[in-house]
Amino acid sequence: MSWAQTARQKQLAPVGFYRPEAFRVVVHDTFHQYALRMAAQSIRNGMSVPEFLLFCAAYVLRNHRELKRFRSVFRKGAKDIKAAAAAPVAAREEAFERFARWAEGELR
């Protein structure tokens, strides 16, 4: 793996690990397809519908009142995981798994 690819992966996954996963969204109605496409274009020229949906999800996670507790849990988790980043990879994985167990109980 080249230095550039390692840097790109670190940029795309600054807290967790770089393991891409694709989510498929099917929109059956042509009217809704057109609405999503136009909304994406009105926000930024050239934005695709998947980019728009990710943008919307990030916006909701960042701003929705009912997700305030969610944000504080994930801020704390990111802080703990970043603190473990100086340690070997195994310690980072342990930190992530410890956070995942804690967050799941905390958010229920």
PDB file of N, CA and C in Angstrom:
ATOM      1  N   MET A   1       0.844  -1.169   0.000  1.00  0.00           N
ATOM      2  CA  MET A   1       0.000   0.000   0.000  1.00  0.00           C
ATOM      3  C   MET A   1       0.892   1.234   0.000  1.00  0.00           C
ATOM      4  N   SER A   2       0.594   2.161  -0.869  1.00  0.00           N
ATOM      5  CA  SER A   2       1.408   3.364  -0.999  1.00  0.00           C
ATOM      6  C   SER A   2       1.091   4.362   0.103  1.00  0.00           C
ATOM      7  N   TRP A   3       1.980   5.334   0.265  1.00  0.00           N
ATOM      8  CA  TRP A   3       1.791   6.366   1.277  1.00  0.00           C
ATOM      9  C   TRP A   3       0.528   7.169   0.984  1.00  0.00           C
ATOM     10  N   ALA A   4       0.307   7.476  -0.306  1.00  0.00           N
ATOM     11  CA  ALA A   4      -0.866   8.273  -0.684  1.00  0.00           C
ATOM     12  C   ALA A   4      -2.165   7.551  -0.342  1.00  0.00           C
ATOM     13  N   GLN A   5      -2.191   6.239  -0.580  1.00  0.00           N
ATOM     14  CA  GLN A   5      -3.406   5.475  -0.280  1.00  0.00           C
ATOM     15  C   GLN A   5      -3.630   5.399   1.235  1.00  0.00           C
ATOM     16  N   THR A   6      -2.567   5.226   1.994  1.00  0.00           N
ATOM     17  CA  THR A   6      -2.680   5.208   3.451  1.00  0.00           C
ATOM     18  C   THR A   6      -3.201   6.544   3.964  1.00  0.00           C
ATOM     19  N   ALA A   7      -2.699   7.642   3.415  1.00  0.00           N
ATOM     20  CA  ALA A   7      -3.147   8.976   3.821  1.00  0.00           C
ATOM     21  C   ALA A   7      -4.619   9.171   3.465  1.00  0.00           C
ATOM     22  N   ARG A   8      -5.032   8.685   2.300  1.00  0.00           N
ATOM     23  CA  ARG A   8      -6.428   8.818   1.879  1.00  0.00           C
ATOM     24  C   ARG A   8      -7.347   8.034   2.815  1.00  0.00           C
ATOM     25  N   GLN A   9      -6.938   6.813   3.183  1.00  0.00           N
ATOM     26  CA  GLN A   9      -7.742   6.006   4.085  1.00  0.00           C
ATOM     27  C   GLN A   9      -7.861   6.677   5.453  1.00  0.00           C
ATOM     28  N   LYS A  10      -6.760   7.278   5.927  1.00  0.00           N
ATOM     29  CA  LYS A  10      -6.784   7.968   7.213  1.00  0.00           C
ATOM     30  C   LYS A  10      -7.698   9.192   7.145  1.00  0.00           C
ATOM     31  N   GLN A  11      -7.730   9.845   5.990  1.00  0.00           N
ATOM     32  CA  GLN A  11      -8.608  11.006   5.819  1.00  0.00           C
ATOM     33  C   GLN A  11     -10.074  10.564   5.794  1.00  0.00           C
ATOM     34  N   LEU A  12     -10.370   9.441   5.141  1.00  0.00           N
ATOM     35  CA  LEU A  12     -11.745   8.961   5.036  1.00  0.00           C
ATOM     36  C   LEU A  12     -12.240   8.331   6.333  1.00  0.00           C
ATOM     37  N   ALA A  13     -11.332   7.762   7.132  1.00  0.00           N
ATOM     38  CA  ALA A  13     -11.710   7.128   8.401  1.00  0.00           C
ATOM     39  C   ALA A  13     -10.767   7.602   9.503  1.00  0.00           C
ATOM     40  N   PRO A  14     -10.928   8.859   9.970  1.00  0.00           N
ATOM     41  CA  PRO A  14      -9.991   9.391  10.951  1.00  0.00           C
ATOM     42  C   PRO A  14     -10.117   8.770  12.340  1.00  0.00           C
ATOM     43  N   VAL A  15     -11.273   8.196  12.677  1.00  0.00           N
ATOM     44  CA  VAL A  15     -11.454   7.633  14.009  1.00  0.00           C
ATOM     45  C   VAL A  15     -11.476   6.112  13.953  1.00  0.00           C
ATOM     46  N   GLY A  16     -12.302   5.569  13.096  1.00  0.00           N
ATOM     47  CA  GLY A  16     -12.447   4.115  13.008  1.00  0.00           C
ATOM     48  C   GLY A  16     -11.452   3.520  12.033  1.00  0.00           C
ATOM     49  N   PHE A  17     -11.828   2.396  11.440  1.00  0.00           N
ATOM     50  CA  PHE A  17     -10.971   1.701  10.485  1.00  0.00           C
ATOM     51  C   PHE A  17     -11.588   1.806   9.094  1.00  0.00           C
ATOM     52  N   TYR A  18     -10.759   1.818   8.090  1.00  0.00           N
ATOM     53  CA  TYR A  18     -11.205   1.953   6.706  1.00  0.00           C
ATOM     54  C   TYR A  18     -11.717   0.605   6.220  1.00  0.00           C
ATOM     55  N   ARG A  19     -13.033   0.415   6.288  1.00  0.00           N
ATOM     56  CA  ARG A  19     -13.686  -0.783   5.771  1.00  0.00           C
ATOM     57  C   ARG A  19     -14.961  -0.331   5.073  1.00  0.00           C
ATOM     58  N   PRO A  20     -14.873   0.051   3.801  1.00  0.00           N
ATOM     59  CA  PRO A  20     -16.044   0.586   3.094  1.00  0.00           C
ATOM     60  C   PRO A  20     -17.191  -0.425   3.042  1.00  0.00           C
ATOM     61  N   GLU A  21     -18.395   0.084   3.174  1.00  0.00           N
ATOM     62  CA  GLU A  21     -19.596  -0.727   3.068  1.00  0.00           C
ATOM     63  C   GLU A  21     -20.618   0.056   2.254  1.00  0.00           C
ATOM     64  N   ALA A  22     -21.169  -0.578   1.264  1.00  0.00           N
ATOM     65  CA  ALA A  22     -22.147   0.089   0.398  1.00  0.00           C
ATOM     66  C   ALA A  22     -23.552  -0.184   0.927  1.00  0.00           C
ATOM     67  N   PHE A  23     -24.381   0.860   0.956  1.00  0.00           N
ATOM     68  CA  PHE A  23     -25.782   0.742   1.325  1.00  0.00           C
ATOM     69  C   PHE A  23     -26.595   1.045   0.083  1.00  0.00           C
ATOM     70  N   ARG A  24     -27.537   0.197  -0.221  1.00  0.00           N
ATOM     71  CA  ARG A  24     -28.336   0.386  -1.419  1.00  0.00           C
ATOM     72  C   ARG A  24     -29.686   0.976  -1.043  1.00  0.00           C
ATOM     73  N   VAL A  25     -30.056   2.013  -1.748  1.00  0.00           N
ATOM     74  CA  VAL A  25     -31.350   2.653  -1.536  1.00  0.00           C
ATOM     75  C   VAL A  25     -32.093   2.596  -2.857  1.00  0.00           C
ATOM     76  N   VAL A  26     -33.305   2.079  -2.822  1.00  0.00           N
ATOM     77  CA  VAL A  26     -34.123   1.984  -4.030  1.00  0.00           C
ATOM     78  C   VAL A  26     -35.261   2.983  -3.915  1.00  0.00           C
ATOM     79  N   VAL A  27     -35.403   3.828  -4.931  1.00  0.00           N
ATOM     80  CA  VAL A  27     -36.509   4.791  -5.003  1.00  0.00           C
ATOM     81  C   VAL A  27     -37.317   4.413  -6.237  1.00  0.00           C
ATOM     82  N   HIS A  28     -38.539   3.949  -6.019  1.00  0.00           N
ATOM     83  CA  HIS A  28     -39.351   3.423  -7.115  1.00  0.00           C
ATOM     84  C   HIS A  28     -40.069   4.515  -7.909  1.00  0.00           C
ATOM     85  N   ASP A  29     -40.493   5.562  -7.245  1.00  0.00           N
ATOM     86  CA  ASP A  29     -41.299   6.599  -7.870  1.00  0.00           C
ATOM     87  C   ASP A  29     -40.423   7.584  -8.643  1.00  0.00           C
ATOM     88  N   THR A  30     -40.714   7.778  -9.924  1.00  0.00           N
ATOM     89  CA  THR A  30     -39.906   8.681 -10.743  1.00  0.00           C
ATOM     90  C   THR A  30     -39.988  10.122 -10.252  1.00  0.00           C
ATOM     91  N   PHE A  31     -41.134  10.499  -9.667  1.00  0.00           N
ATOM     92  CA  PHE A  31     -41.268  11.847  -9.130  1.00  0.00           C
ATOM     93  C   PHE A  31     -40.281  12.052  -7.977  1.00  0.00           C
ATOM     94  N   HIS A  32     -40.182  11.083  -7.075  1.00  0.00           N
ATOM     95  CA  HIS A  32     -39.239  11.184  -5.964  1.00  0.00           C
ATOM     96  C   HIS A  32     -37.786  11.120  -6.447  1.00  0.00           C
ATOM     97  N   GLN A  33     -37.539  10.306  -7.455  1.00  0.00           N
ATOM     98  CA  GLN A  33     -36.186  10.252  -8.028  1.00  0.00           C
ATOM     99  C   GLN A  33     -35.786  11.632  -8.549  1.00  0.00           C
ATOM    100  N   TYR A  34     -36.710  12.255  -9.274  1.00  0.00           N
ATOM    101  CA  TYR A  34     -36.452  13.583  -9.831  1.00  0.00           C
ATOM    102  C   TYR A  34     -36.265  14.609  -8.718  1.00  0.00           C
ATOM    103  N   ALA A  35     -37.095  14.531  -7.660  1.00  0.00           N
ATOM    104  CA  ALA A  35     -36.976  15.467  -6.538  1.00  0.00           C
ATOM    105  C   ALA A  35     -35.617  15.338  -5.863  1.00  0.00           C
ATOM    106  N   LEU A  36     -35.145  14.107  -5.649  1.00  0.00           N
ATOM    107  CA  LEU A  36     -33.825  13.899  -5.035  1.00  0.00           C
ATOM    108  C   LEU A  36     -32.719  14.445  -5.931  1.00  0.00           C
ATOM    109  N   ARG A  37     -32.832  14.177  -7.215  1.00  0.00           N
ATOM    110  CA  ARG A  37     -31.817  14.655  -8.162  1.00  0.00           C
ATOM    111  C   ARG A  37     -31.756  16.178  -8.185  1.00  0.00           C
ATOM    112  N   MET A  38     -32.932  16.824  -8.218  1.00  0.00           N
ATOM    113  CA  MET A  38     -32.977  18.288  -8.253  1.00  0.00           C
ATOM    114  C   MET A  38     -32.480  18.895  -6.928  1.00  0.00           C
ATOM    115  N   ALA A  39     -32.814  18.267  -5.808  1.00  0.00           N
ATOM    116  CA  ALA A  39     -32.337  18.760  -4.514  1.00  0.00           C
ATOM    117  C   ALA A  39     -30.813  18.679  -4.454  1.00  0.00           C
ATOM    118  N   ALA A  40     -30.255  17.573  -4.937  1.00  0.00           N
ATOM    119  CA  ALA A  40     -28.800  17.426  -4.946  1.00  0.00           C
ATOM    120  C   ALA A  40     -28.157  18.498  -5.813  1.00  0.00           C
ATOM    121  N   GLN A  41     -28.745  18.765  -6.965  1.00  0.00           N
ATOM    122  CA  GLN A  41     -28.182  19.772  -7.860  1.00  0.00           C
ATOM    123  C   GLN A  41     -28.343  21.178  -7.310  1.00  0.00           C
ATOM    124  N   SER A  42     -29.424  21.427  -6.573  1.00  0.00           N
ATOM    125  CA  SER A  42     -29.612  22.775  -6.053  1.00  0.00           C
ATOM    126  C   SER A  42     -28.648  23.073  -4.905  1.00  0.00           C
ATOM    127  N   ILE A  43     -28.228  22.062  -4.184  1.00  0.00           N
ATOM    128  CA  ILE A  43     -27.255  22.285  -3.108  1.00  0.00           C
ATOM    129  C   ILE A  43     -25.864  22.495  -3.690  1.00  0.00           C
ATOM    130  N   ARG A  44     -25.490  21.640  -4.616  1.00  0.00           N
ATOM    131  CA  ARG A  44     -24.163  21.767  -5.209  1.00  0.00           C
ATOM    132  C   ARG A  44     -24.188  21.137  -6.590  1.00  0.00           C
ATOM    133  N   ASN A  45     -23.745  21.876  -7.573  1.00  0.00           N
ATOM    134  CA  ASN A  45     -23.701  21.331  -8.933  1.00  0.00           C
ATOM    135  C   ASN A  45     -22.822  20.098  -8.980  1.00  0.00           C
ATOM    136  N   GLY A  46     -23.333  19.065  -9.591  1.00  0.00           N
ATOM    137  CA  GLY A  46     -22.561  17.847  -9.753  1.00  0.00           C
ATOM    138  C   GLY A  46     -22.695  16.869  -8.597  1.00  0.00           C
ATOM    139  N   MET A  47     -23.460  17.204  -7.561  1.00  0.00           N
ATOM    140  CA  MET A  47     -23.641  16.272  -6.440  1.00  0.00           C
ATOM    141  C   MET A  47     -24.559  15.144  -6.896  1.00  0.00           C
ATOM    142  N   SER A  48     -24.163  13.926  -6.621  1.00  0.00           N
ATOM    143  CA  SER A  48     -24.993  12.784  -6.993  1.00  0.00           C
ATOM    144  C   SER A  48     -26.030  12.528  -5.898  1.00  0.00           C
ATOM    145  N   VAL A  49     -27.018  11.716  -6.214  1.00  0.00           N
ATOM    146  CA  VAL A  49     -28.053  11.400  -5.235  1.00  0.00           C
ATOM    147  C   VAL A  49     -27.455  10.673  -4.025  1.00  0.00           C
ATOM    148  N   PRO A  50     -26.553   9.680  -4.188  1.00  0.00           N
ATOM    149  CA  PRO A  50     -25.945   9.068  -2.999  1.00  0.00           C
ATOM    150  C   PRO A  50     -25.181  10.080  -2.137  1.00  0.00           C
ATOM    151  N   GLU A  51     -24.452  10.999  -2.762  1.00  0.00           N
ATOM    152  CA  GLU A  51     -23.756  12.041  -2.008  1.00  0.00           C
ATOM    153  C   GLU A  51     -24.760  12.917  -1.266  1.00  0.00           C
ATOM    154  N   PHE A  52     -25.881  13.215  -1.909  1.00  0.00           N
ATOM    155  CA  PHE A  52     -26.922  14.025  -1.291  1.00  0.00           C
ATOM    156  C   PHE A  52     -27.508  13.319  -0.073  1.00  0.00           C
ATOM    157  N   LEU A  53     -27.777  12.017  -0.191  1.00  0.00           N
ATOM    158  CA  LEU A  53     -28.338  11.276   0.934  1.00  0.00           C
ATOM    159  C   LEU A  53     -27.353  11.213   2.098  1.00  0.00           C
ATOM    160  N   LEU A  54     -26.067  11.045   1.820  1.00  0.00           N
ATOM    161  CA  LEU A  54     -25.055  11.073   2.882  1.00  0.00           C
ATOM    162  C   LEU A  54     -24.990  12.462   3.519  1.00  0.00           C
ATOM    163  N   PHE A  55     -25.072  13.498   2.690  1.00  0.00           N
ATOM    164  CA  PHE A  55     -25.081  14.877   3.189  1.00  0.00           C
ATOM    165  C   PHE A  55     -26.266  15.095   4.132  1.00  0.00           C
ATOM    166  N   CYS A  56     -27.439  14.615   3.723  1.00  0.00           N
ATOM    167  CA  CYS A  56     -28.643  14.769   4.547  1.00  0.00           C
ATOM    168  C   CYS A  56     -28.506  14.009   5.862  1.00  0.00           C
ATOM    169  N   ALA A  57     -27.992  12.784   5.797  1.00  0.00           N
ATOM    170  CA  ALA A  57     -27.817  12.000   7.026  1.00  0.00           C
ATOM    171  C   ALA A  57     -26.847  12.695   7.974  1.00  0.00           C
ATOM    172  N   ALA A  58     -25.743  13.208   7.454  1.00  0.00           N
ATOM    173  CA  ALA A  58     -24.773  13.918   8.296  1.00  0.00           C
ATOM    174  C   ALA A  58     -25.399  15.158   8.906  1.00  0.00           C
ATOM    175  N   TYR A  59     -26.208  15.863   8.135  1.00  0.00           N
ATOM    176  CA  TYR A  59     -26.877  17.072   8.631  1.00  0.00           C
ATOM    177  C   TYR A  59     -27.828  16.726   9.784  1.00  0.00           C
ATOM    178  N   VAL A  60     -28.612  15.687   9.614  1.00  0.00           N
ATOM    179  CA  VAL A  60     -29.556  15.289  10.659  1.00  0.00           C
ATOM    180  C   VAL A  60     -28.805  14.848  11.911  1.00  0.00           C
ATOM    181  N   LEU A  61     -27.766  14.043  11.739  1.00  0.00           N
ATOM    182  CA  LEU A  61     -26.986  13.596  12.896  1.00  0.00           C
ATOM    183  C   LEU A  61     -26.356  14.775  13.633  1.00  0.00           C
ATOM    184  N   ARG A  62     -25.955  15.787  12.896  1.00  0.00           N
ATOM    185  CA  ARG A  62     -25.282  16.946  13.478  1.00  0.00           C
ATOM    186  C   ARG A  62     -26.257  17.926  14.131  1.00  0.00           C
ATOM    187  N   ASN A  63     -27.512  18.004  13.661  1.00  0.00           N
ATOM    188  CA  ASN A  63     -28.394  19.079  14.086  1.00  0.00           C
ATOM    189  C   ASN A  63     -29.713  18.697  14.756  1.00  0.00           C
ATOM    190  N   HIS A  64     -30.144  17.466  14.665  1.00  0.00           N
ATOM    191  CA  HIS A  64     -31.463  17.105  15.183  1.00  0.00           C
ATOM    192  C   HIS A  64     -31.473  17.122  16.712  1.00  0.00           C
ATOM    193  N   ARG A  65     -32.471  17.762  17.294  1.00  0.00           N
ATOM    194  CA  ARG A  65     -32.572  17.898  18.751  1.00  0.00           C
ATOM    195  C   ARG A  65     -32.618  16.556  19.470  1.00  0.00           C
ATOM    196  N   GLU A  66     -33.376  15.621  18.919  1.00  0.00           N
ATOM    197  CA  GLU A  66     -33.553  14.329  19.578  1.00  0.00           C
ATOM    198  C   GLU A  66     -32.283  13.479  19.553  1.00  0.00           C
ATOM    199  N   LEU A  67     -31.288  13.872  18.784  1.00  0.00           N
ATOM    200  CA  LEU A  67     -30.041  13.110  18.707  1.00  0.00           C
ATOM    201  C   LEU A  67     -28.920  13.748  19.525  1.00  0.00           C
ATOM    202  N   LYS A  68     -29.273  14.626  20.442  1.00  0.00           N
ATOM    203  CA  LYS A  68     -28.258  15.307  21.267  1.00  0.00           C
ATOM    204  C   LYS A  68     -27.448  14.291  22.077  1.00  0.00           C
ATOM    205  N   ARG A  69     -28.131  13.347  22.716  1.00  0.00           N
ATOM    206  CA  ARG A  69     -27.441  12.315  23.511  1.00  0.00           C
ATOM    207  C   ARG A  69     -26.553  11.461  22.609  1.00  0.00           C
ATOM    208  N   PHE A  70     -27.056  11.117  21.441  1.00  0.00           N
ATOM    209  CA  PHE A  70     -26.292  10.344  20.455  1.00  0.00           C
ATOM    210  C   PHE A  70     -24.976  11.042  20.133  1.00  0.00           C
ATOM    211  N   ARG A  71     -25.047  12.356  19.877  1.00  0.00           N
ATOM    212  CA  ARG A  71     -23.845  13.119  19.537  1.00  0.00           C
ATOM    213  C   ARG A  71     -22.839  13.115  20.684  1.00  0.00           C
ATOM    214  N   SER A  72     -23.324  13.282  21.912  1.00  0.00           N
ATOM    215  CA  SER A  72     -22.385  13.317  23.040  1.00  0.00           C
ATOM    216  C   SER A  72     -21.728  11.962  23.249  1.00  0.00           C
ATOM    217  N   VAL A  73     -22.475  10.876  23.071  1.00  0.00           N
ATOM    218  CA  VAL A  73     -21.901   9.532  23.197  1.00  0.00           C
ATOM    219  C   VAL A  73     -20.818   9.320  22.141  1.00  0.00           C
ATOM    220  N   PHE A  74     -21.092   9.706  20.901  1.00  0.00           N
ATOM    221  CA  PHE A  74     -20.122   9.481  19.838  1.00  0.00           C
ATOM    222  C   PHE A  74     -18.925  10.427  19.927  1.00  0.00           C
ATOM    223  N   ARG A  75     -19.125  11.644  20.447  1.00  0.00           N
ATOM    224  CA  ARG A  75     -17.984  12.541  20.682  1.00  0.00           C
ATOM    225  C   ARG A  75     -17.032  11.932  21.699  1.00  0.00           C
ATOM    226  N   LYS A  76     -17.602  11.403  22.786  1.00  0.00           N
ATOM    227  CA  LYS A  76     -16.781  10.777  23.820  1.00  0.00           C
ATOM    228  C   LYS A  76     -16.058   9.556  23.256  1.00  0.00           C
ATOM    229  N   GLY A  77     -16.770   8.754  22.484  1.00  0.00           N
ATOM    230  CA  GLY A  77     -16.145   7.572  21.880  1.00  0.00           C
ATOM    231  C   GLY A  77     -15.011   7.935  20.944  1.00  0.00           C
ATOM    232  N   ALA A  78     -15.211   8.948  20.116  1.00  0.00           N
ATOM    233  CA  ALA A  78     -14.154   9.376  19.178  1.00  0.00           C
ATOM    234  C   ALA A  78     -12.941   9.875  19.950  1.00  0.00           C
ATOM    235  N   LYS A  79     -13.190  10.590  21.035  1.00  0.00           N
ATOM    236  CA  LYS A  79     -12.092  11.101  21.860  1.00  0.00           C
ATOM    237  C   LYS A  79     -11.281   9.940  22.451  1.00  0.00           C
ATOM    238  N   ASP A  80     -11.972   8.941  22.981  1.00  0.00           N
ATOM    239  CA  ASP A  80     -11.291   7.781  23.563  1.00  0.00           C
ATOM    240  C   ASP A  80     -10.515   6.987  22.520  1.00  0.00           C
ATOM    241  N   ILE A  81     -11.118   6.807  21.344  1.00  0.00           N
ATOM    242  CA  ILE A  81     -10.458   6.038  20.285  1.00  0.00           C
ATOM    243  C   ILE A  81      -9.238   6.790  19.764  1.00  0.00           C
ATOM    244  N   LYS A  82      -9.363   8.103  19.598  1.00  0.00           N
ATOM    245  CA  LYS A  82      -8.207   8.890  19.150  1.00  0.00           C
ATOM    246  C   LYS A  82      -7.086   8.853  20.178  1.00  0.00           C
ATOM    247  N   ALA A  83      -7.429   8.808  21.457  1.00  0.00           N
ATOM    248  CA  ALA A  83      -6.410   8.709  22.499  1.00  0.00           C
ATOM    249  C   ALA A  83      -5.674   7.379  22.407  1.00  0.00           C
ATOM    250  N   ALA A  84      -6.373   6.332  21.975  1.00  0.00           N
ATOM    251  CA  ALA A  84      -5.749   5.017  21.832  1.00  0.00           C
ATOM    252  C   ALA A  84      -5.004   4.885  20.506  1.00  0.00           C
ATOM    253  N   ALA A  85      -5.108   5.881  19.628  1.00  0.00           N
ATOM    254  CA  ALA A  85      -4.490   5.793  18.296  1.00  0.00           C
ATOM    255  C   ALA A  85      -2.972   5.745  18.358  1.00  0.00           C
ATOM    256  N   ALA A  86      -2.388   6.286  19.419  1.00  0.00           N
ATOM    257  CA  ALA A  86      -0.932   6.250  19.552  1.00  0.00           C
ATOM    258  C   ALA A  86      -0.453   4.837  19.865  1.00  0.00           C
ATOM    259  N   ALA A  87      -1.340   4.014  20.369  1.00  0.00           N
ATOM    260  CA  ALA A  87      -0.995   2.637  20.725  1.00  0.00           C
ATOM    261  C   ALA A  87      -1.018   1.759  19.469  1.00  0.00           C
ATOM    262  N   PRO A  88      -0.558   0.515  19.592  1.00  0.00           N
ATOM    263  CA  PRO A  88      -0.618  -0.401  18.435  1.00  0.00           C
ATOM    264  C   PRO A  88      -2.050  -0.610  17.948  1.00  0.00           C
ATOM    265  N   VAL A  89      -2.177  -1.149  16.748  1.00  0.00           N
ATOM    266  CA  VAL A  89      -3.488  -1.333  16.116  1.00  0.00           C
ATOM    267  C   VAL A  89      -4.411  -2.167  16.992  1.00  0.00           C
ATOM    268  N   ALA A  90      -3.893  -3.194  17.645  1.00  0.00           N
ATOM    269  CA  ALA A  90      -4.733  -4.048  18.492  1.00  0.00           C
ATOM    270  C   ALA A  90      -5.405  -3.229  19.596  1.00  0.00           C
ATOM    271  N   ALA A  91      -4.686  -2.269  20.159  1.00  0.00           N
ATOM    272  CA  ALA A  91      -5.257  -1.427  21.217  1.00  0.00           C
ATOM    273  C   ALA A  91      -6.363  -0.538  20.658  1.00  0.00           C
ATOM    274  N   ARG A  92      -6.203  -0.064  19.433  1.00  0.00           N
ATOM    275  CA  ARG A  92      -7.241   0.756  18.812  1.00  0.00           C
ATOM    276  C   ARG A  92      -8.500  -0.066  18.579  1.00  0.00           C
ATOM    277  N   GLU A  93      -8.328  -1.324  18.131  1.00  0.00           N
ATOM    278  CA  GLU A  93      -9.489  -2.185  17.905  1.00  0.00           C
ATOM    279  C   GLU A  93     -10.203  -2.473  19.216  1.00  0.00           C
ATOM    280  N   GLU A  94      -9.421  -2.703  20.284  1.00  0.00           N
ATOM    281  CA  GLU A  94     -10.026  -2.914  21.600  1.00  0.00           C
ATOM    282  C   GLU A  94     -10.792  -1.672  22.042  1.00  0.00           C
ATOM    283  N   ALA A  95     -10.209  -0.500  21.813  1.00  0.00           N
ATOM    284  CA  ALA A  95     -10.860   0.751  22.192  1.00  0.00           C
ATOM    285  C   ALA A  95     -12.171   0.920  21.439  1.00  0.00           C
ATOM    286  N   PHE A  96     -12.171   0.577  20.144  1.00  0.00           N
ATOM    287  CA  PHE A  96     -13.391   0.694  19.353  1.00  0.00           C
ATOM    288  C   PHE A  96     -14.449  -0.278  19.856  1.00  0.00           C
ATOM    289  N   GLU A  97     -14.064  -1.525  20.116  1.00  0.00           N
ATOM    290  CA  GLU A  97     -15.036  -2.514  20.584  1.00  0.00           C
ATOM    291  C   GLU A  97     -15.565  -2.163  21.967  1.00  0.00           C
ATOM    292  N   ARG A  98     -14.706  -1.627  22.834  1.00  0.00           N
ATOM    293  CA  ARG A  98     -15.142  -1.186  24.159  1.00  0.00           C
ATOM    294  C   ARG A  98     -16.168  -0.050  24.015  1.00  0.00           C
ATOM    295  N   PHE A  99     -15.879   0.889  23.108  1.00  0.00           N
ATOM    296  CA  PHE A  99     -16.812   1.990  22.853  1.00  0.00           C
ATOM    297  C   PHE A  99     -18.130   1.460  22.310  1.00  0.00           C
ATOM    298  N   ALA A 100     -18.082   0.527  21.357  1.00  0.00           N
ATOM    299  CA  ALA A 100     -19.307   0.006  20.746  1.00  0.00           C
ATOM    300  C   ALA A 100     -20.201  -0.658  21.796  1.00  0.00           C
ATOM    301  N   ARG A 101     -19.600  -1.436  22.707  1.00  0.00           N
ATOM    302  CA  ARG A 101     -20.390  -2.070  23.769  1.00  0.00           C
ATOM    303  C   ARG A 101     -20.997  -1.006  24.687  1.00  0.00           C
ATOM    304  N   TRP A 102     -20.200  -0.020  25.062  1.00  0.00           N
ATOM    305  CA  TRP A 102     -20.679   1.033  25.958  1.00  0.00           C
ATOM    306  C   TRP A 102     -21.778   1.861  25.291  1.00  0.00           C
ATOM    307  N   ALA A 103     -21.561   2.252  24.042  1.00  0.00           N
ATOM    308  CA  ALA A 103     -22.517   3.104  23.334  1.00  0.00           C
ATOM    309  C   ALA A 103     -23.843   2.405  23.139  1.00  0.00           C
ATOM    310  N   GLU A 104     -23.791   1.104  22.845  1.00  0.00           N
ATOM    311  CA  GLU A 104     -25.041   0.372  22.620  1.00  0.00           C
ATOM    312  C   GLU A 104     -25.904   0.378  23.873  1.00  0.00           C
ATOM    313  N   GLY A 105     -25.288   0.166  25.025  1.00  0.00           N
ATOM    314  CA  GLY A 105     -26.046   0.209  26.280  1.00  0.00           C
ATOM    315  C   GLY A 105     -26.490   1.620  26.623  1.00  0.00           C
ATOM    316  N   GLU A 106     -25.663   2.590  26.311  1.00  0.00           N
ATOM    317  CA  GLU A 106     -25.946   3.991  26.638  1.00  0.00           C
ATOM    318  C   GLU A 106     -27.093   4.555  25.803  1.00  0.00           C
ATOM    319  N   LEU A 107     -27.215   4.119  24.560  1.00  0.00           N
ATOM    320  CA  LEU A 107     -28.211   4.671  23.653  1.00  0.00           C
ATOM    321  C   LEU A 107     -29.546   3.944  23.688  1.00  0.00           C
ATOM    322  N   ARG A 108     -29.636   2.869  24.434  1.00  0.00           N
ATOM    323  CA  ARG A 108     -30.912   2.132  24.522  1.00  0.00           C
ATOM    324  C   ARG A 108     -31.848   2.753  25.488  1.00  0.00           C
TER     325      ARG A 108
END
